[in-house]
C-alpha atoms as a PDB file:
ATOM      1  CA  UNK A   1      13.417 -19.643   1.861  1.00  0.00           C
ATOM      2  CA  UNK A   2      14.861 -18.372   5.138  1.00  0.00           C
ATOM      3  CA  UNK A   3      12.489 -16.833   7.650  1.00  0.00           C
ATOM      4  CA  UNK A   4      12.184 -13.056   7.791  1.00  0.00           C
ATOM      5  CA  UNK A   5      11.272 -11.557  11.173  1.00  0.00           C
ATOM      6  CA  UNK A   6       8.822  -8.680  10.912  1.00  0.00           C
ATOM      7  CA  UNK A   7       6.928  -6.201  13.065  1.00  0.00           C
ATOM      8  CA  UNK A   8       3.910  -4.337  11.697  1.00  0.00           C
ATOM      9  CA  UNK A   9       1.053  -2.009  12.581  1.00  0.00           C
ATOM     10  CA  UNK A  10      -1.932  -0.445  10.816  1.00  0.00           C
ATOM     11  CA  UNK A  11      -4.493   2.301  11.365  1.00  0.00           C
ATOM     12  CA  UNK A  12      -7.332   3.938   9.440  1.00  0.00           C
ATOM     13  CA  UNK A  13      -9.757   6.838   9.887  1.00  0.00           C
ATOM     14  CA  UNK A  14     -12.812   7.961   7.923  1.00  0.00           C
ATOM     15  CA  UNK A  15     -11.758  11.621   7.980  1.00  0.00           C
ATOM     16  CA  UNK A  16     -14.514  14.004   6.941  1.00  0.00           C
ATOM     17  CA  UNK A  17     -16.053  11.510   4.517  1.00  0.00           C
ATOM     18  CA  UNK A  18     -19.381   9.833   5.240  1.00  0.00           C
ATOM     19  CA  UNK A  19     -17.854   6.352   4.956  1.00  0.00           C
ATOM     20  CA  UNK A  20     -14.437   4.728   4.830  1.00  0.00           C
ATOM     21  CA  UNK A  21     -13.705   3.380   1.352  1.00  0.00           C
ATOM     22  CA  UNK A  22     -10.120   2.422   2.246  1.00  0.00           C
ATOM     23  CA  UNK A  23      -9.250  -1.195   2.991  1.00  0.00           C
ATOM     24  CA  UNK A  24      -5.986  -2.631   4.274  1.00  0.00           C
ATOM     25  CA  UNK A  25      -4.116  -5.882   4.679  1.00  0.00           C
ATOM     26  CA  UNK A  26      -1.343  -6.295   7.254  1.00  0.00           C
ATOM     27  CA  UNK A  27      -0.555 -10.009   7.417  1.00  0.00           C
ATOM     28  CA  UNK A  28       2.627 -11.638   6.153  1.00  0.00           C
ATOM     29  CA  UNK A  29       3.685 -11.929   3.459  1.00  0.00           C
ATOM     30  CA  UNK A  30       1.534  -9.073   2.089  1.00  0.00           C
ATOM     31  CA  UNK A  31       1.026  -5.551   3.403  1.00  0.00           C
ATOM     32  CA  UNK A  32      -1.277  -3.369   1.324  1.00  0.00           C
ATOM     33  CA  UNK A  33      -3.619  -0.375   1.239  1.00  0.00           C
ATOM     34  CA  UNK A  34      -6.482  -0.001  -1.242  1.00  0.00           C
ATOM     35  CA  UNK A  35      -8.364   3.269  -1.767  1.00  0.00           C
ATOM     36  CA  UNK A  36     -11.769   2.696  -3.345  1.00  0.00           C
ATOM     37  CA  UNK A  37     -13.588   5.006  -5.720  1.00  0.00           C
ATOM     38  CA  UNK A  38     -17.156   5.122  -6.976  1.00  0.00           C
ATOM     39  CA  UNK A  39     -20.555   6.207  -5.715  1.00  0.00           C
ATOM     40  CA  UNK A  40     -22.273   4.889  -2.602  1.00  0.00           C
ATOM     41  CA  UNK A  41     -20.918   1.473  -1.547  1.00  0.00           C
ATOM     42  CA  UNK A  42     -19.092   0.819  -4.823  1.00  0.00           C
ATOM     43  CA  UNK A  43     -15.744   2.222  -3.712  1.00  0.00           C
ATOM     44  CA  UNK A  44     -15.746   0.260  -0.484  1.00  0.00           C
ATOM     45  CA  UNK A  45     -16.682  -2.925  -2.315  1.00  0.00           C
ATOM     46  CA  UNK A  46     -13.871  -2.397  -4.835  1.00  0.00           C
ATOM     47  CA  UNK A  47     -11.180  -1.900  -2.193  1.00  0.00           C
ATOM     48  CA  UNK A  48     -12.405  -4.942  -0.261  1.00  0.00           C
ATOM     49  CA  UNK A  49     -12.256  -7.027  -3.460  1.00  0.00           C
ATOM     50  CA  UNK A  50      -8.523  -6.496  -3.944  1.00  0.00           C
ATOM     51  CA  UNK A  51      -7.761  -7.130  -0.272  1.00  0.00           C
ATOM     52  CA  UNK A  52      -9.771 -10.354  -0.373  1.00  0.00           C
ATOM     53  CA  UNK A  53      -7.693 -11.574  -3.309  1.00  0.00           C
ATOM     54  CA  UNK A  54      -4.418 -10.761  -1.564  1.00  0.00           C
ATOM     55  CA  UNK A  55      -5.662 -12.401   1.650  1.00  0.00           C
ATOM     56  CA  UNK A  56      -5.592 -15.753  -0.126  1.00  0.00           C
ATOM     57  CA  UNK A  57      -1.824 -15.910   0.335  1.00  0.00           C
ATOM     58  CA  UNK A  58      -1.694 -14.232   3.768  1.00  0.00           C
ATOM     59  CA  UNK A  59      -1.501 -15.732   7.222  1.00  0.00           C
ATOM     60  CA  UNK A  60      -4.791 -16.177   9.123  1.00  0.00           C
ATOM     61  CA  UNK A  61      -6.207 -13.024  10.669  1.00  0.00           C
ATOM     62  CA  UNK A  62      -4.654 -11.953  13.944  1.00  0.00           C
ATOM     63  CA  UNK A  63      -4.039  -8.758  15.853  1.00  0.00           C
ATOM     64  CA  UNK A  64      -3.754  -5.568  13.730  1.00  0.00           C
ATOM     65  CA  UNK A  65      -0.306  -4.933  15.212  1.00  0.00           C
ATOM     66  CA  UNK A  66       2.052  -7.837  15.760  1.00  0.00           C
ATOM     67  CA  UNK A  67       5.346  -9.576  15.150  1.00  0.00           C
ATOM     68  CA  UNK A  68       5.820 -12.695  13.106  1.00  0.00           C
ATOM     69  CA  UNK A  69       7.553 -14.354  10.199  1.00  0.00           C
ATOM     70  CA  UNK A  70       6.610 -14.693   6.564  1.00  0.00           C
ATOM     71  CA  UNK A  71       4.736 -17.942   5.831  1.00  0.00           C
ATOM     72  CA  UNK A  72       5.962 -20.503   3.338  1.00  0.00           C
ATOM     73  CA  UNK A  73       5.759 -21.203   0.459  1.00  0.00           C
ATOM     74  CA  UNK A  74       6.799 -17.762  -0.716  1.00  0.00           C
ATOM     75  CA  UNK A  75       5.045 -15.693  -3.331  1.00  0.00           C
ATOM     76  CA  UNK A  76       6.500 -14.870  -6.718  1.00  0.00           C
ATOM     77  CA  UNK A  77       6.047 -11.612  -8.607  1.00  0.00           C
ATOM     78  CA  UNK A  78       4.004 -13.383 -11.262  1.00  0.00           C
ATOM     79  CA  UNK A  79       1.689 -14.890  -8.625  1.00  0.00           C
ATOM     80  CA  UNK A  80       1.246 -11.422  -7.109  1.00  0.00           C
ATOM     81  CA  UNK A  81       0.432  -9.915 -10.507  1.00  0.00           C
ATOM     82  CA  UNK A  82      -2.070 -12.724 -11.117  1.00  0.00           C
ATOM     83  CA  UNK A  83      -3.891 -11.933  -7.855  1.00  0.00           C
ATOM     84  CA  UNK A  84      -4.189  -8.282  -8.880  1.00  0.00           C
ATOM     85  CA  UNK A  85      -5.497  -9.240 -12.337  1.00  0.00           C
ATOM     86  CA  UNK A  86      -8.082 -11.470 -10.666  1.00  0.00           C
ATOM     87  CA  UNK A  87      -9.091  -8.587  -8.373  1.00  0.00           C
ATOM     88  CA  UNK A  88      -9.534  -6.361 -11.421  1.00  0.00           C
ATOM     89  CA  UNK A  89     -11.854  -8.939 -12.971  1.00  0.00           C
ATOM     90  CA  UNK A  90     -13.773  -9.320  -9.682  1.00  0.00           C
ATOM     91  CA  UNK A  91     -14.433  -5.581  -9.537  1.00  0.00           C
ATOM     92  CA  UNK A  92     -15.572  -5.387 -13.152  1.00  0.00           C
ATOM     93  CA  UNK A  93     -17.983  -8.279 -12.634  1.00  0.00           C
ATOM     94  CA  UNK A  94     -19.368  -6.662  -9.484  1.00  0.00           C
ATOM     95  CA  UNK A  95     -19.816  -3.307 -11.243  1.00  0.00           C
ATOM     96  CA  UNK A  96     -21.809  -4.995 -14.009  1.00  0.00           C
ATOM     97  CA  UNK A  97     -24.319  -6.296 -11.461  1.00  0.00           C
ATOM     98  CA  UNK A  98     -24.824  -3.006  -9.606  1.00  0.00           C
ATOM     99  CA  UNK A  99     -27.259  -0.337 -10.720  1.00  0.00           C
ATOM    100  CA  UNK A 100     -25.075   2.650  -9.795  1.00  0.00           C
ATOM    101  CA  UNK A 101     -21.461   1.592 -10.026  1.00  0.00           C
ATOM    102  CA  UNK A 102     -20.053   3.869 -12.702  1.00  0.00           C
ATOM    103  CA  UNK A 103     -16.428   4.549 -11.895  1.00  0.00           C
ATOM    104  CA  UNK A 104     -16.236   1.665  -9.417  1.00  0.00           C
ATOM    105  CA  UNK A 105     -12.563   0.911  -8.879  1.00  0.00           C
ATOM    106  CA  UNK A 106      -9.663   1.103  -6.477  1.00  0.00           C
ATOM    107  CA  UNK A 107      -6.026   1.972  -6.181  1.00  0.00           C
ATOM    108  CA  UNK A 108      -3.712  -0.442  -4.401  1.00  0.00           C
ATOM    109  CA  UNK A 109      -0.170  -0.209  -3.092  1.00  0.00           C
ATOM    110  CA  UNK A 110       1.926  -2.454  -0.930  1.00  0.00           C
ATOM    111  CA  UNK A 111       4.944  -4.595  -0.252  1.00  0.00           C
ATOM    112  CA  UNK A 112       5.047  -8.382  -0.439  1.00  0.00           C
ATOM    113  CA  UNK A 113       7.748 -10.847   0.492  1.00  0.00           C
ATOM    114  CA  UNK A 114       8.513 -12.868  -2.615  1.00  0.00           C
ATOM    115  CA  UNK A 115      11.110 -15.402  -3.654  1.00  0.00           C
ATOM    116  CA  UNK A 116      12.894 -14.086  -6.738  1.00  0.00           C
ATOM    117  CA  UNK A 117      16.345 -13.925  -8.287  1.00  0.00           C
ATOM    118  CA  UNK A 118      17.454 -10.298  -7.826  1.00  0.00           C
ATOM    119  CA  UNK A 119      20.166 -10.434 -10.480  1.00  0.00           C
ATOM    120  CA  UNK A 120      21.643 -12.731 -13.099  1.00  0.00           C
ATOM    121  CA  UNK A 121      24.666 -13.179 -10.839  1.00  0.00           C
ATOM    122  CA  UNK A 122      22.588 -14.383  -7.879  1.00  0.00           C
ATOM    123  CA  UNK A 123      22.952 -18.125  -7.176  1.00  0.00           C
ATOM    124  CA  UNK A 124      19.184 -18.574  -7.006  1.00  0.00           C
ATOM    125  CA  UNK A 125      15.893 -17.117  -5.774  1.00  0.00           C
ATOM    126  CA  UNK A 126      16.061 -15.379  -2.415  1.00  0.00           C
ATOM    127  CA  UNK A 127      13.666 -13.473  -0.128  1.00  0.00           C
ATOM    128  CA  UNK A 128      12.945 -10.083  -1.670  1.00  0.00           C
ATOM    129  CA  UNK A 129      10.462  -7.270  -1.292  1.00  0.00           C
ATOM    130  CA  UNK A 130       8.115  -6.692  -4.209  1.00  0.00           C
ATOM    131  CA  UNK A 131       6.991  -3.063  -3.948  1.00  0.00           C
ATOM    132  CA  UNK A 132       3.814  -2.829  -6.035  1.00  0.00           C
ATOM    133  CA  UNK A 133       1.219  -0.178  -6.837  1.00  0.00           C
ATOM    134  CA  UNK A 134      -1.587   0.851  -9.157  1.00  0.00           C
ATOM    135  CA  UNK A 135      -2.913   4.410  -8.744  1.00  0.00           C
ATOM    136  CA  UNK A 136      -1.861   7.077  -6.245  1.00  0.00           C
ATOM    137  CA  UNK A 137      -1.678   5.165  -2.982  1.00  0.00           C
ATOM    138  CA  UNK A 138       1.987   5.208  -2.022  1.00  0.00           C
ATOM    139  CA  UNK A 139       4.870   3.163  -0.658  1.00  0.00           C
ATOM    140  CA  UNK A 140       7.732   4.832   1.223  1.00  0.00           C
ATOM    141  CA  UNK A 141      10.948   3.494   2.738  1.00  0.00           C
ATOM    142  CA  UNK A 142      12.544   5.020   5.823  1.00  0.00           C
ATOM    143  CA  UNK A 143      16.340   4.751   5.955  1.00  0.00           C
ATOM    144  CA  UNK A 144      17.667   6.376   9.112  1.00  0.00           C
ATOM    145  CA  UNK A 145      15.664   9.595   9.161  1.00  0.00           C
ATOM    146  CA  UNK A 146      15.467   9.836   5.364  1.00  0.00           C
ATOM    147  CA  UNK A 147      12.121   9.097   3.727  1.00  0.00           C
ATOM    148  CA  UNK A 148      12.146   7.839   0.140  1.00  0.00           C
ATOM    149  CA  UNK A 149       9.027   7.472  -1.990  1.00  0.00           C
ATOM    150  CA  UNK A 150       9.342   4.139  -3.822  1.00  0.00           C
ATOM    151  CA  UNK A 151       6.129   4.358  -5.851  1.00  0.00           C
ATOM    152  CA  UNK A 152       5.322   6.916  -8.533  1.00  0.00           C
ATOM    153  CA  UNK A 153       1.732   8.173  -8.598  1.00  0.00           C
ATOM    154  CA  UNK A 154      -0.359   7.116 -11.569  1.00  0.00           C
ATOM    155  CA  UNK A 155      -2.134  10.468 -11.656  1.00  0.00           C
ATOM    156  CA  UNK A 156      -2.839  13.469 -13.849  1.00  0.00           C
ATOM    157  CA  UNK A 157      -0.709  15.809 -11.729  1.00  0.00           C
ATOM    158  CA  UNK A 158       2.241  13.382 -11.701  1.00  0.00           C
ATOM    159  CA  UNK A 159       2.184  13.425 -15.502  1.00  0.00           C
ATOM    160  CA  UNK A 160       2.253  17.226 -15.367  1.00  0.00           C
ATOM    161  CA  UNK A 161       5.213  17.101 -12.972  1.00  0.00           C
ATOM    162  CA  UNK A 162       7.032  14.583 -15.181  1.00  0.00           C
ATOM    163  CA  UNK A 163       6.464  16.849 -18.200  1.00  0.00           C
ATOM    164  CA  UNK A 164       7.938  19.809 -16.313  1.00  0.00           C
ATOM    165  CA  UNK A 165       4.664  21.743 -16.477  1.00  0.00           C
ATOM    166  CA  UNK A 166       4.178  22.108 -12.712  1.00  0.00           C
ATOM    167  CA  UNK A 167       6.325  21.662  -9.610  1.00  0.00           C
ATOM    168  CA  UNK A 168       5.909  18.968  -6.978  1.00  0.00           C
ATOM    169  CA  UNK A 169       4.724  21.661  -4.533  1.00  0.00           C
ATOM    170  CA  UNK A 170       2.098  22.830  -7.023  1.00  0.00           C
ATOM    171  CA  UNK A 171       0.973  19.229  -7.558  1.00  0.00           C
ATOM    172  CA  UNK A 172       0.219  18.879  -3.830  1.00  0.00           C
ATOM    173  CA  UNK A 173      -2.518  21.541  -4.062  1.00  0.00           C
ATOM    174  CA  UNK A 174      -3.595  21.110  -7.693  1.00  0.00           C
ATOM    175  CA  UNK A 175      -7.407  20.854  -8.145  1.00  0.00           C
ATOM    176  CA  UNK A 176      -6.957  17.643 -10.193  1.00  0.00           C
ATOM    177  CA  UNK A 177      -4.577  15.956  -7.750  1.00  0.00           C
ATOM    178  CA  UNK A 178      -7.087  13.178  -7.001  1.00  0.00           C
ATOM    179  CA  UNK A 179      -7.546  12.117 -10.653  1.00  0.00           C
ATOM    180  CA  UNK A 180      -5.758   8.815 -11.243  1.00  0.00           C
ATOM    181  CA  UNK A 181      -4.659   7.487 -14.606  1.00  0.00           C
ATOM    182  CA  UNK A 182      -4.504   3.834 -13.563  1.00  0.00           C
ATOM    183  CA  UNK A 183      -6.750   1.823 -11.238  1.00  0.00           C
ATOM    184  CA  UNK A 184      -8.206  -1.634 -10.756  1.00  0.00           C
ATOM    185  CA  UNK A 185     -11.720  -2.100 -12.137  1.00  0.00           C
ATOM    186  CA  UNK A 186     -11.936   0.972 -14.378  1.00  0.00           C
ATOM    187  CA  UNK A 187     -10.459   1.995 -17.714  1.00  0.00           C
ATOM    188  CA  UNK A 188      -8.091  -0.254 -19.614  1.00  0.00           C
ATOM    189  CA  UNK A 189      -6.878  -3.195 -17.492  1.00  0.00           C
ATOM    190  CA  UNK A 190      -3.492  -2.191 -16.121  1.00  0.00           C
ATOM    191  CA  UNK A 191      -0.560  -4.088 -14.667  1.00  0.00           C
ATOM    192  CA  UNK A 192       0.959  -3.044 -11.366  1.00  0.00           C
ATOM    193  CA  UNK A 193       4.355  -1.392 -11.313  1.00  0.00           C
ATOM    194  CA  UNK A 194       6.692  -3.680  -9.311  1.00  0.00           C
ATOM    195  CA  UNK A 195      10.088  -2.851  -7.834  1.00  0.00           C
ATOM    196  CA  UNK A 196      12.237  -5.621  -6.331  1.00  0.00           C
ATOM    197  CA  UNK A 197      14.401  -4.865  -3.298  1.00  0.00           C
ATOM    198  CA  UNK A 198      16.625  -7.097  -1.152  1.00  0.00           C
ATOM    199  CA  UNK A 199      15.413  -7.859   2.372  1.00  0.00           C
ATOM    200  CA  UNK A 200      17.628  -6.127   4.922  1.00  0.00           C
ATOM    201  CA  UNK A 201      17.372  -5.934   8.731  1.00  0.00           C
ATOM    202  CA  UNK A 202      16.283  -2.505   9.900  1.00  0.00           C
ATOM    203  CA  UNK A 203      14.174  -1.717   6.848  1.00  0.00           C
ATOM    204  CA  UNK A 204      10.950   0.183   7.486  1.00  0.00           C
ATOM    205  CA  UNK A 205       8.154   0.695   4.958  1.00  0.00           C
ATOM    206  CA  UNK A 206       5.047   2.858   4.985  1.00  0.00           C
ATOM    207  CA  UNK A 207       2.069   2.096   2.750  1.00  0.00           C
ATOM    208  CA  UNK A 208      -0.662   4.740   2.734  1.00  0.00           C
ATOM    209  CA  UNK A 209      -3.673   6.153   0.927  1.00  0.00           C
ATOM    210  CA  UNK A 210      -3.625   9.677  -0.504  1.00  0.00           C
ATOM    211  CA  UNK A 211      -5.715  10.840   2.441  1.00  0.00           C
ATOM    212  CA  UNK A 212      -2.492  10.762   4.468  1.00  0.00           C
ATOM    213  CA  UNK A 213      -0.191  12.389   1.940  1.00  0.00           C
ATOM    214  CA  UNK A 214      -2.835  15.017   1.255  1.00  0.00           C
ATOM    215  CA  UNK A 215      -2.446  16.240   4.838  1.00  0.00           C
ATOM    216  CA  UNK A 216       1.206  15.544   5.726  1.00  0.00           C
ATOM    217  CA  UNK A 217       4.326  16.498   3.818  1.00  0.00           C
ATOM    218  CA  UNK A 218       7.146  13.977   3.501  1.00  0.00           C
ATOM    219  CA  UNK A 219       9.257  15.704   6.167  1.00  0.00           C
ATOM    220  CA  UNK A 220       6.405  15.409   8.666  1.00  0.00           C
ATOM    221  CA  UNK A 221       5.852  11.764   7.780  1.00  0.00           C
ATOM    222  CA  UNK A 222       9.537  11.020   8.323  1.00  0.00           C
ATOM    223  CA  UNK A 223       9.473  12.728  11.718  1.00  0.00           C
ATOM    224  CA  UNK A 224       6.437  10.741  12.859  1.00  0.00           C
ATOM    225  CA  UNK A 225       7.967   7.454  11.681  1.00  0.00           C
ATOM    226  CA  UNK A 226      11.371   7.999  13.266  1.00  0.00           C
ATOM    227  CA  UNK A 227      11.885   6.539  16.722  1.00  0.00           C
ATOM    228  CA  UNK A 228       8.499   4.771  16.891  1.00  0.00           C
ATOM    229  CA  UNK A 229       7.643   1.115  16.507  1.00  0.00           C
ATOM    230  CA  UNK A 230       5.407   0.102  13.610  1.00  0.00           C
ATOM    231  CA  UNK A 231       2.111   0.154  15.520  1.00  0.00           C
ATOM    232  CA  UNK A 232       2.743   3.499  17.217  1.00  0.00           C
ATOM    233  CA  UNK A 233       3.922   5.073  13.962  1.00  0.00           C
ATOM    234  CA  UNK A 234       0.845   3.978  11.999  1.00  0.00           C
ATOM    235  CA  UNK A 235      -1.503   5.203  14.702  1.00  0.00           C
ATOM    236  CA  UNK A 236       0.258   8.560  15.109  1.00  0.00           C
ATOM    237  CA  UNK A 237       0.352   9.215  11.357  1.00  0.00           C
ATOM    238  CA  UNK A 238      -3.371   8.615  10.978  1.00  0.00           C
ATOM    239  CA  UNK A 239      -4.225  10.470  14.189  1.00  0.00           C
ATOM    240  CA  UNK A 240      -2.249  13.537  13.095  1.00  0.00           C
ATOM    241  CA  UNK A 241      -3.881  13.656   9.662  1.00  0.00           C
ATOM    242  CA  UNK A 242      -7.358  13.230  11.168  1.00  0.00           C
ATOM    243  CA  UNK A 243      -6.735  16.013  13.715  1.00  0.00           C
ATOM    244  CA  UNK A 244      -5.996  18.346  10.832  1.00  0.00           C
ATOM    245  CA  UNK A 245      -9.450  17.713   9.427  1.00  0.00           C
ATOM    246  CA  UNK A 246      -8.551  15.210   6.719  1.00  0.00           C
ATOM    247  CA  UNK A 247     -11.005  15.630   3.873  1.00  0.00           C
ATOM    248  CA  UNK A 248     -10.485  12.033   2.724  1.00  0.00           C
ATOM    249  CA  UNK A 249     -10.145   8.617   4.333  1.00  0.00           C
ATOM    250  CA  UNK A 250      -6.702   8.111   5.892  1.00  0.00           C
ATOM    251  CA  UNK A 251      -4.974   4.731   6.102  1.00  0.00           C
ATOM    252  CA  UNK A 252      -1.413   3.717   6.985  1.00  0.00           C
ATOM    253  CA  UNK A 253       0.383   0.375   7.264  1.00  0.00           C
ATOM    254  CA  UNK A 254       3.931   0.294   8.642  1.00  0.00           C
ATOM    255  CA  UNK A 255       6.153  -2.801   8.463  1.00  0.00           C
ATOM    256  CA  UNK A 256       9.669  -3.274   9.824  1.00  0.00           C
ATOM    257  CA  UNK A 257      12.288  -5.951   9.208  1.00  0.00           C
ATOM    258  CA  UNK A 258      13.741  -6.994  12.554  1.00  0.00           C
ATOM    259  CA  UNK A 259      17.400  -7.878  13.119  1.00  0.00           C
ATOM    260  CA  UNK A 260      18.289 -11.473  12.277  1.00  0.00           C
ATOM    261  CA  UNK A 261      17.820 -13.782  15.224  1.00  0.00           C
ATOM    262  CA  UNK A 262      15.085 -11.629  16.786  1.00  0.00           C
ATOM    263  CA  UNK A 263      12.499 -13.636  18.671  1.00  0.00           C
ATOM    264  CA  UNK A 264       9.001 -13.259  17.276  1.00  0.00           C
ATOM    265  CA  UNK A 265       5.627 -14.511  18.371  1.00  0.00           C
ATOM    266  CA  UNK A 266       3.373 -15.664  15.582  1.00  0.00           C
ATOM    267  CA  UNK A 267       0.217 -13.463  15.594  1.00  0.00           C
END
């Protein structure tokens, strides 16, 4: 697998909540955000559980904002799905041991560098992005100044939008907008939705919890991402949402694919 040069940055803020139940991972080859749910420490523990599973294939901890290359050997989509299934089981076991852990669970969204065959015509496996999510944490791609949401919320209001019962604008302020229909650790065990994309120089991805998208519209997010490096963009997105009095935890991870031949320093 050829090396892929990356630059990334991450930021998080508690918002108006008493504690931060979001967790994040920003270390090649996995970049992810998990938004915990459940009373007291349960939500935080759930989001940490999924990050700890994903960390098993990540580079050693370094600076929160850095440049580097994806480690080898590469992940596969099936290996990624297996890690998420193991995280689901971890959370369910933890909930069974806690006295007040009803509803303990977490969303998760992210991008991971994997080695997969993108089409039947491809000569063999090649570096690809696996865009994955469970719940309403989101993944976006910035192309030029155009922001595209790659994930589709697993939520009550998204089902209403899909059914044509409410508009996307109405969904943004709907009283049930925080109710998810799929999560790790709660309900029926669910597989992550995974989208495979080719790796291309100049790509930029944003992974975020709903605390960010609850405060900033897509046009604002695109404006704050454009013209900034990954670290500055993540910090400014979270700072802007927090200044507006974010009612929920706010977390953002931004990752860029650098031009081929770019020099990187391993974090």
